[in-house]
Amino acid sequence: MKCPGQDTLYWKPGAIYEVPCPKCGANVEFFKDDTARKCPKCMHRFVNPDLDFGCAAYCQYAEQCIGTLPEEFLLQKEDLLKDRVAIEMKRYFKSDFKRIGHATRVARYAERIGRAEGSNPAVVLCAAYLHDIGIVEAEKKHGSSEARYQEQEGPAVAREILERLGAKPPLVEEVCDIVGHHHHPREEETVNFKVLYDADWIANLEDRIKENGLQPEKIETIIAQKLMTENGRTEARKTLL
């Protein structure tokens, strides 16, 4: 069976269009499923800017379906993994909207901090969505959601989700490593860990402020002492103060 998105039988008006070459400005005709084309004027080859990579971001048959994937796509494919991970996190937590909301806020803060810090967005955002994924197993096995039990149980659950979605082994290993000690920084840490750690602190402080209230002086002290990146501290002050 051919994917309906790639079958011309299902195409609608606008499936063939022209895109200006980013190098010389000449118009280059694209079919909607072209991954890349070469400009007939200057011979510059570039990626189709309107190609929807959504399903190919997680489909194991992507290369067979749309041909040899350009380097730009491979980078985007890894980045798009975060959207599938977010969906799986929500399915896993089911109706636990508090934990879903927390993970979503951590991801939002991590994205902002990570962009400024130059971190790997795929690693950071997958870790953000999955950092507390061990809570369910921790409560089942240990009757507690303490940090040490979350860290103990989380990596196996995160690994199952990431491998099922076809994530590359290096990304799986780094995300699982972060999940397995996200409350306890080591002496030397990666920028990806630091970004996740700061984002989690911001979301947790936000909850503490709503529940119990904290004086601005106390918040500033925590920000200065606990957060690991300058951009994390900036985001915390903007969000919390």
C-alpha atoms as a PDB file:
ATOM      1  CA  MET A   1       0.000   0.000   0.000  1.00  0.00           C
ATOM      2  CA  LYS A   2       1.302   3.430  -0.923  1.00  0.00           C
ATOM      3  CA  CYS A   3       1.204   6.200   1.663  1.00  0.00           C
ATOM      4  CA  PRO A   4      -1.732   8.510   0.751  1.00  0.00           C
ATOM      5  CA  GLY A   5       0.448  11.544   1.381  1.00  0.00           C
ATOM      6  CA  GLN A   6       2.834  10.426  -1.360  1.00  0.00           C
ATOM      7  CA  ASP A   7       0.212   9.109  -3.841  1.00  0.00           C
ATOM      8  CA  THR A   8      -0.565  11.678  -6.562  1.00  0.00           C
ATOM      9  CA  LEU A   9      -4.118  10.306  -6.725  1.00  0.00           C
ATOM     10  CA  TYR A  10      -4.831  12.142  -3.456  1.00  0.00           C
ATOM     11  CA  TRP A  11      -3.046  15.387  -4.327  1.00  0.00           C
ATOM     12  CA  LYS A  12      -4.963  18.651  -4.301  1.00  0.00           C
ATOM     13  CA  PRO A  13      -4.324  21.974  -6.099  1.00  0.00           C
ATOM     14  CA  GLY A  14      -1.081  23.477  -4.852  1.00  0.00           C
ATOM     15  CA  ALA A  15       0.785  20.155  -4.761  1.00  0.00           C
ATOM     16  CA  ILE A  16       3.161  21.537  -7.419  1.00  0.00           C
ATOM     17  CA  TYR A  17       4.635  24.943  -6.727  1.00  0.00           C
ATOM     18  CA  GLU A  18       7.636  27.203  -7.270  1.00  0.00           C
ATOM     19  CA  VAL A  19      10.190  28.173  -4.626  1.00  0.00           C
ATOM     20  CA  PRO A  20      12.866  30.867  -5.057  1.00  0.00           C
ATOM     21  CA  CYS A  21      16.410  29.529  -4.941  1.00  0.00           C
ATOM     22  CA  PRO A  22      18.061  30.771  -1.708  1.00  0.00           C
ATOM     23  CA  LYS A  23      21.292  31.390  -3.624  1.00  0.00           C
ATOM     24  CA  CYS A  24      20.300  33.163  -6.854  1.00  0.00           C
ATOM     25  CA  GLY A  25      16.571  33.823  -6.486  1.00  0.00           C
ATOM     26  CA  ALA A  26      15.502  31.895  -9.596  1.00  0.00           C
ATOM     27  CA  ASN A  27      12.216  29.989  -9.348  1.00  0.00           C
ATOM     28  CA  VAL A  28      12.561  26.221  -8.864  1.00  0.00           C
ATOM     29  CA  GLU A  29       9.580  23.946  -9.420  1.00  0.00           C
ATOM     30  CA  PHE A  30       8.850  21.469  -6.603  1.00  0.00           C
ATOM     31  CA  PHE A  31       6.399  18.625  -6.303  1.00  0.00           C
ATOM     32  CA  LYS A  32       5.143  18.485  -2.725  1.00  0.00           C
ATOM     33  CA  ASP A  33       6.955  15.188  -2.068  1.00  0.00           C
ATOM     34  CA  ASP A  34      10.326  16.307  -3.449  1.00  0.00           C
ATOM     35  CA  THR A  35      12.872  16.295  -0.626  1.00  0.00           C
ATOM     36  CA  ALA A  36      15.310  18.503  -2.563  1.00  0.00           C
ATOM     37  CA  ARG A  37      15.897  19.898  -6.053  1.00  0.00           C
ATOM     38  CA  LYS A  38      18.699  21.549  -7.954  1.00  0.00           C
ATOM     39  CA  CYS A  39      18.316  25.108  -9.232  1.00  0.00           C
ATOM     40  CA  PRO A  40      18.571  24.986 -13.062  1.00  0.00           C
ATOM     41  CA  LYS A  41      20.214  28.421 -13.114  1.00  0.00           C
ATOM     42  CA  CYS A  42      23.013  28.232 -10.498  1.00  0.00           C
ATOM     43  CA  MET A  43      22.925  24.442  -9.836  1.00  0.00           C
ATOM     44  CA  HIS A  44      22.531  24.966  -6.067  1.00  0.00           C
ATOM     45  CA  ARG A  45      20.721  22.019  -4.478  1.00  0.00           C
ATOM     46  CA  PHE A  46      18.419  22.838  -1.565  1.00  0.00           C
ATOM     47  CA  VAL A  47      15.755  21.204   0.588  1.00  0.00           C
ATOM     48  CA  ASN A  48      12.072  21.661  -0.203  1.00  0.00           C
ATOM     49  CA  PRO A  49      11.038  24.253   2.437  1.00  0.00           C
ATOM     50  CA  ASP A  50       7.374  23.196   2.324  1.00  0.00           C
ATOM     51  CA  LEU A  51       7.848  19.437   2.672  1.00  0.00           C
ATOM     52  CA  ASP A  52       5.934  18.060   5.650  1.00  0.00           C
ATOM     53  CA  PHE A  53       8.294  15.790   7.568  1.00  0.00           C
ATOM     54  CA  GLY A  54       5.730  14.945  10.255  1.00  0.00           C
ATOM     55  CA  CYS A  55       5.159  11.218   9.709  1.00  0.00           C
ATOM     56  CA  ALA A  56       8.705  10.625   8.436  1.00  0.00           C
ATOM     57  CA  ALA A  57      10.021  11.860  11.765  1.00  0.00           C
ATOM     58  CA  TYR A  58       9.044   8.577  13.367  1.00  0.00           C
ATOM     59  CA  CYS A  59       8.218   6.151  10.525  1.00  0.00           C
ATOM     60  CA  GLN A  60      10.747   3.338  10.126  1.00  0.00           C
ATOM     61  CA  TYR A  61      10.068   3.241   6.374  1.00  0.00           C
ATOM     62  CA  ALA A  62      10.725   6.954   5.800  1.00  0.00           C
ATOM     63  CA  GLU A  63      13.799   6.499   3.621  1.00  0.00           C
ATOM     64  CA  GLN A  64      12.117   3.938   1.361  1.00  0.00           C
ATOM     65  CA  CYS A  65       9.034   6.151   1.136  1.00  0.00           C
ATOM     66  CA  ILE A  66      10.567   9.491   0.174  1.00  0.00           C
ATOM     67  CA  GLY A  67      13.974   8.475  -1.084  1.00  0.00           C
ATOM     68  CA  THR A  68      17.421   9.443   0.146  1.00  0.00           C
ATOM     69  CA  LEU A  69      16.964  11.963   2.921  1.00  0.00           C
ATOM     70  CA  PRO A  70      19.090  15.120   2.876  1.00  0.00           C
ATOM     71  CA  GLU A  71      21.254  16.035   5.862  1.00  0.00           C
ATOM     72  CA  GLU A  72      18.896  18.873   6.794  1.00  0.00           C
ATOM     73  CA  PHE A  73      16.063  16.360   7.090  1.00  0.00           C
ATOM     74  CA  LEU A  74      18.053  14.022   9.311  1.00  0.00           C
ATOM     75  CA  LEU A  75      18.661  16.883  11.725  1.00  0.00           C
ATOM     76  CA  GLN A  76      14.996  17.822  11.653  1.00  0.00           C
ATOM     77  CA  LYS A  77      13.925  14.195  12.073  1.00  0.00           C
ATOM     78  CA  GLU A  78      15.756  13.978  15.387  1.00  0.00           C
ATOM     79  CA  ASP A  79      14.353  17.314  16.507  1.00  0.00           C
ATOM     80  CA  LEU A  80      10.784  16.257  15.620  1.00  0.00           C
ATOM     81  CA  LEU A  81      11.150  13.189  17.847  1.00  0.00           C
ATOM     82  CA  LYS A  82      10.299  15.425  20.801  1.00  0.00           C
ATOM     83  CA  ASP A  83       6.716  15.796  19.574  1.00  0.00           C
ATOM     84  CA  ARG A  84       6.201  12.029  19.533  1.00  0.00           C
ATOM     85  CA  VAL A  85       7.811  11.737  22.973  1.00  0.00           C
ATOM     86  CA  ALA A  86       5.426  14.384  24.317  1.00  0.00           C
ATOM     87  CA  ILE A  87       2.465  12.342  23.061  1.00  0.00           C
ATOM     88  CA  GLU A  88       3.820   9.151  24.614  1.00  0.00           C
ATOM     89  CA  MET A  89       4.413  10.924  27.933  1.00  0.00           C
ATOM     90  CA  LYS A  90       0.772  12.053  27.998  1.00  0.00           C
ATOM     91  CA  ARG A  91      -0.424   8.547  27.164  1.00  0.00           C
ATOM     92  CA  TYR A  92       1.748   7.101  29.913  1.00  0.00           C
ATOM     93  CA  PHE A  93       0.514   9.479  32.612  1.00  0.00           C
ATOM     94  CA  LYS A  94      -3.110   9.093  31.372  1.00  0.00           C
ATOM     95  CA  SER A  95      -5.338  11.381  33.470  1.00  0.00           C
ATOM     96  CA  ASP A  96      -2.568  12.603  35.771  1.00  0.00           C
ATOM     97  CA  PHE A  97      -2.842  16.147  34.481  1.00  0.00           C
ATOM     98  CA  LYS A  98      -0.639  17.584  37.215  1.00  0.00           C
ATOM     99  CA  ARG A  99       2.367  15.553  36.061  1.00  0.00           C
ATOM    100  CA  ILE A 100       1.575  16.126  32.401  1.00  0.00           C
ATOM    101  CA  GLY A 101       1.379  19.854  33.070  1.00  0.00           C
ATOM    102  CA  HIS A 102       4.653  19.814  35.004  1.00  0.00           C
ATOM    103  CA  ALA A 103       6.518  17.988  32.226  1.00  0.00           C
ATOM    104  CA  THR A 104       5.073  20.358  29.628  1.00  0.00           C
ATOM    105  CA  ARG A 105       6.186  23.431  31.596  1.00  0.00           C
ATOM    106  CA  VAL A 106       9.662  21.977  32.109  1.00  0.00           C
ATOM    107  CA  ALA A 107       9.894  21.405  28.349  1.00  0.00           C
ATOM    108  CA  ARG A 108       8.804  24.981  27.672  1.00  0.00           C
ATOM    109  CA  TYR A 109      11.433  26.450  29.998  1.00  0.00           C
ATOM    110  CA  ALA A 110      14.077  24.007  28.748  1.00  0.00           C
ATOM    111  CA  GLU A 111      13.440  25.032  25.152  1.00  0.00           C
ATOM    112  CA  ARG A 112      13.988  28.711  25.969  1.00  0.00           C
ATOM    113  CA  ILE A 113      17.065  28.133  28.117  1.00  0.00           C
ATOM    114  CA  GLY A 114      18.505  25.549  25.732  1.00  0.00           C
ATOM    115  CA  ARG A 115      18.193  27.837  22.728  1.00  0.00           C
ATOM    116  CA  ALA A 116      20.221  30.495  24.533  1.00  0.00           C
ATOM    117  CA  GLU A 117      22.740  27.973  25.893  1.00  0.00           C
ATOM    118  CA  GLY A 118      23.288  26.200  22.572  1.00  0.00           C
ATOM    119  CA  SER A 119      22.170  22.779  23.816  1.00  0.00           C
ATOM    120  CA  ASN A 120      20.894  19.890  21.696  1.00  0.00           C
ATOM    121  CA  PRO A 121      17.109  20.497  21.461  1.00  0.00           C
ATOM    122  CA  ALA A 122      16.266  16.846  20.769  1.00  0.00           C
ATOM    123  CA  VAL A 123      18.095  15.609  23.870  1.00  0.00           C
ATOM    124  CA  VAL A 124      16.905  18.423  26.122  1.00  0.00           C
ATOM    125  CA  LEU A 125      13.241  18.272  25.159  1.00  0.00           C
ATOM    126  CA  CYS A 126      13.016  14.471  25.201  1.00  0.00           C
ATOM    127  CA  ALA A 127      14.630  14.541  28.655  1.00  0.00           C
ATOM    128  CA  ALA A 128      12.232  17.274  29.755  1.00  0.00           C
ATOM    129  CA  TYR A 129       9.155  15.292  28.762  1.00  0.00           C
ATOM    130  CA  LEU A 130      10.516  12.085  30.307  1.00  0.00           C
ATOM    131  CA  HIS A 131      12.416  13.307  33.370  1.00  0.00           C
ATOM    132  CA  ASP A 132       9.686  12.259  35.834  1.00  0.00           C
ATOM    133  CA  ILE A 133       8.517   9.221  33.876  1.00  0.00           C
ATOM    134  CA  GLY A 134       9.743   6.894  36.654  1.00  0.00           C
ATOM    135  CA  ILE A 135       7.204   8.186  39.176  1.00  0.00           C
ATOM    136  CA  VAL A 136       4.534   5.619  38.284  1.00  0.00           C
ATOM    137  CA  GLU A 137       6.862   2.639  38.742  1.00  0.00           C
ATOM    138  CA  ALA A 138       8.395   4.222  41.851  1.00  0.00           C
ATOM    139  CA  GLU A 139       4.998   4.432  43.495  1.00  0.00           C
ATOM    140  CA  LYS A 140       4.110   0.876  42.443  1.00  0.00           C
ATOM    141  CA  LYS A 141       7.351  -0.729  43.609  1.00  0.00           C
ATOM    142  CA  HIS A 142       8.426   1.489  46.507  1.00  0.00           C
ATOM    143  CA  GLY A 143       5.229   3.241  47.579  1.00  0.00           C
ATOM    144  CA  SER A 144       7.008   6.550  47.154  1.00  0.00           C
ATOM    145  CA  SER A 145       7.731   9.185  44.508  1.00  0.00           C
ATOM    146  CA  GLU A 146      10.980  10.275  46.170  1.00  0.00           C
ATOM    147  CA  ALA A 147      13.664  11.532  43.812  1.00  0.00           C
ATOM    148  CA  ARG A 148      15.926   8.503  44.271  1.00  0.00           C
ATOM    149  CA  TYR A 149      13.140   6.110  43.290  1.00  0.00           C
ATOM    150  CA  GLN A 150      12.168   8.240  40.293  1.00  0.00           C
ATOM    151  CA  GLU A 151      15.773   8.158  39.127  1.00  0.00           C
ATOM    152  CA  GLN A 152      16.010   4.427  39.735  1.00  0.00           C
ATOM    153  CA  GLU A 153      12.905   3.502  37.773  1.00  0.00           C
ATOM    154  CA  GLY A 154      12.813   6.225  35.126  1.00  0.00           C
ATOM    155  CA  PRO A 155      15.556   5.178  32.679  1.00  0.00           C
ATOM    156  CA  ALA A 156      13.968   1.818  31.790  1.00  0.00           C
ATOM    157  CA  VAL A 157      10.625   3.429  30.996  1.00  0.00           C
ATOM    158  CA  ALA A 158      12.283   6.242  29.035  1.00  0.00           C
ATOM    159  CA  ARG A 159      14.384   3.745  27.082  1.00  0.00           C
ATOM    160  CA  GLU A 160      11.343   1.675  26.092  1.00  0.00           C
ATOM    161  CA  ILE A 161       9.554   4.780  24.781  1.00  0.00           C
ATOM    162  CA  LEU A 162      12.550   6.159  22.887  1.00  0.00           C
ATOM    163  CA  GLU A 163      13.536   2.848  21.303  1.00  0.00           C
ATOM    164  CA  ARG A 164       9.950   2.175  20.257  1.00  0.00           C
ATOM    165  CA  LEU A 165       9.923   5.548  18.494  1.00  0.00           C
ATOM    166  CA  GLY A 166      13.155   4.729  16.669  1.00  0.00           C
ATOM    167  CA  ALA A 167      15.465   7.197  18.437  1.00  0.00           C
ATOM    168  CA  LYS A 168      19.165   6.814  17.708  1.00  0.00           C
ATOM    169  CA  PRO A 169      21.207   4.963  20.370  1.00  0.00           C
ATOM    170  CA  PRO A 170      23.373   7.986  21.374  1.00  0.00           C
ATOM    171  CA  LEU A 171      20.256  10.081  22.022  1.00  0.00           C
ATOM    172  CA  VAL A 172      18.623   7.234  23.953  1.00  0.00           C
ATOM    173  CA  GLU A 173      21.709   6.799  26.143  1.00  0.00           C
ATOM    174  CA  GLU A 174      22.061  10.500  26.941  1.00  0.00           C
ATOM    175  CA  VAL A 175      18.380  11.035  27.704  1.00  0.00           C
ATOM    176  CA  CYS A 176      18.273   7.952  29.941  1.00  0.00           C
ATOM    177  CA  ASP A 177      21.414   9.103  31.741  1.00  0.00           C
ATOM    178  CA  ILE A 178      19.824  12.505  32.431  1.00  0.00           C
ATOM    179  CA  VAL A 179      16.566  10.905  33.606  1.00  0.00           C
ATOM    180  CA  GLY A 180      18.562   8.629  35.918  1.00  0.00           C
ATOM    181  CA  HIS A 181      20.117  11.467  37.917  1.00  0.00           C
ATOM    182  CA  HIS A 182      18.126  14.590  37.064  1.00  0.00           C
ATOM    183  CA  HIS A 183      17.829  15.629  40.722  1.00  0.00           C
ATOM    184  CA  HIS A 184      21.502  15.022  41.510  1.00  0.00           C
ATOM    185  CA  PRO A 185      24.100  16.834  39.384  1.00  0.00           C
ATOM    186  CA  ARG A 186      27.532  15.296  39.090  1.00  0.00           C
ATOM    187  CA  GLU A 187      30.704  17.281  39.565  1.00  0.00           C
ATOM    188  CA  GLU A 188      31.018  17.699  35.802  1.00  0.00           C
ATOM    189  CA  GLU A 189      27.821  18.023  33.765  1.00  0.00           C
ATOM    190  CA  THR A 190      26.857  18.508  30.118  1.00  0.00           C
ATOM    191  CA  VAL A 191      25.066  21.624  28.964  1.00  0.00           C
ATOM    192  CA  ASN A 192      22.055  19.423  28.113  1.00  0.00           C
ATOM    193  CA  PHE A 193      21.808  18.236  31.721  1.00  0.00           C
ATOM    194  CA  LYS A 194      22.221  21.766  33.084  1.00  0.00           C
ATOM    195  CA  VAL A 195      19.416  23.096  30.893  1.00  0.00           C
ATOM    196  CA  LEU A 196      17.011  20.350  32.017  1.00  0.00           C
ATOM    197  CA  TYR A 197      18.041  20.766  35.657  1.00  0.00           C
ATOM    198  CA  ASP A 198      17.388  24.517  35.614  1.00  0.00           C
ATOM    199  CA  ALA A 199      14.053  24.133  33.808  1.00  0.00           C
ATOM    200  CA  ASP A 200      12.904  21.575  36.397  1.00  0.00           C
ATOM    201  CA  TRP A 201      13.910  23.885  39.238  1.00  0.00           C
ATOM    202  CA  ILE A 202      11.910  26.742  37.709  1.00  0.00           C
ATOM    203  CA  ALA A 203       8.779  24.605  37.341  1.00  0.00           C
ATOM    204  CA  ASN A 204       9.133  23.261  40.890  1.00  0.00           C
ATOM    205  CA  LEU A 205       9.666  26.738  42.323  1.00  0.00           C
ATOM    206  CA  GLU A 206       6.610  27.925  40.424  1.00  0.00           C
ATOM    207  CA  ASP A 207       4.552  25.228  42.160  1.00  0.00           C
ATOM    208  CA  ARG A 208       5.986  26.114  45.580  1.00  0.00           C
ATOM    209  CA  ILE A 209       5.128  29.769  45.100  1.00  0.00           C
ATOM    210  CA  LYS A 210       1.526  28.928  44.156  1.00  0.00           C
ATOM    211  CA  GLU A 211       1.067  26.513  47.048  1.00  0.00           C
ATOM    212  CA  ASN A 212       2.913  28.196  49.903  1.00  0.00           C
ATOM    213  CA  GLY A 213       4.219  31.515  48.690  1.00  0.00           C
ATOM    214  CA  LEU A 214       7.872  32.526  48.797  1.00  0.00           C
ATOM    215  CA  GLN A 215       9.363  35.930  49.466  1.00  0.00           C
ATOM    216  CA  PRO A 216      11.230  37.463  46.504  1.00  0.00           C
ATOM    217  CA  GLU A 217      14.457  37.480  48.544  1.00  0.00           C
ATOM    218  CA  LYS A 218      14.168  33.715  49.138  1.00  0.00           C
ATOM    219  CA  ILE A 219      13.430  33.078  45.457  1.00  0.00           C
ATOM    220  CA  GLU A 220      16.473  35.105  44.425  1.00  0.00           C
ATOM    221  CA  THR A 221      18.686  33.184  46.835  1.00  0.00           C
ATOM    222  CA  ILE A 222      17.519  29.842  45.451  1.00  0.00           C
ATOM    223  CA  ILE A 223      18.028  31.029  41.869  1.00  0.00           C
ATOM    224  CA  ALA A 224      21.545  32.213  42.605  1.00  0.00           C
ATOM    225  CA  GLN A 225      22.562  29.107  44.547  1.00  0.00           C
ATOM    226  CA  LYS A 226      20.809  26.245  42.754  1.00  0.00           C
ATOM    227  CA  LEU A 227      20.541  27.006  39.053  1.00  0.00           C
ATOM    228  CA  MET A 228      23.461  25.978  36.877  1.00  0.00           C
ATOM    229  CA  THR A 229      23.295  28.256  33.815  1.00  0.00           C
ATOM    230  CA  GLU A 230      23.211  32.008  33.374  1.00  0.00           C
ATOM    231  CA  ASN A 231      20.309  31.763  30.951  1.00  0.00           C
ATOM    232  CA  GLY A 232      18.482  29.506  33.405  1.00  0.00           C
ATOM    233  CA  ARG A 233      18.830  32.184  36.079  1.00  0.00           C
ATOM    234  CA  THR A 234      17.592  34.822  33.636  1.00  0.00           C
ATOM    235  CA  GLU A 235      14.554  32.710  32.719  1.00  0.00           C
ATOM    236  CA  ALA A 236      13.838  32.027  36.406  1.00  0.00           C
ATOM    237  CA  ARG A 237      13.898  35.708  37.320  1.00  0.00           C
ATOM    238  CA  LYS A 238      11.669  36.587  34.384  1.00  0.00           C
ATOM    239  CA  THR A 239       9.197  33.820  35.238  1.00  0.00           C
ATOM    240  CA  LEU A 240       9.203  33.909  39.041  1.00  0.00           C
ATOM    241  CA  LEU A 241      10.034  37.511  39.951  1.00  0.00           C
END
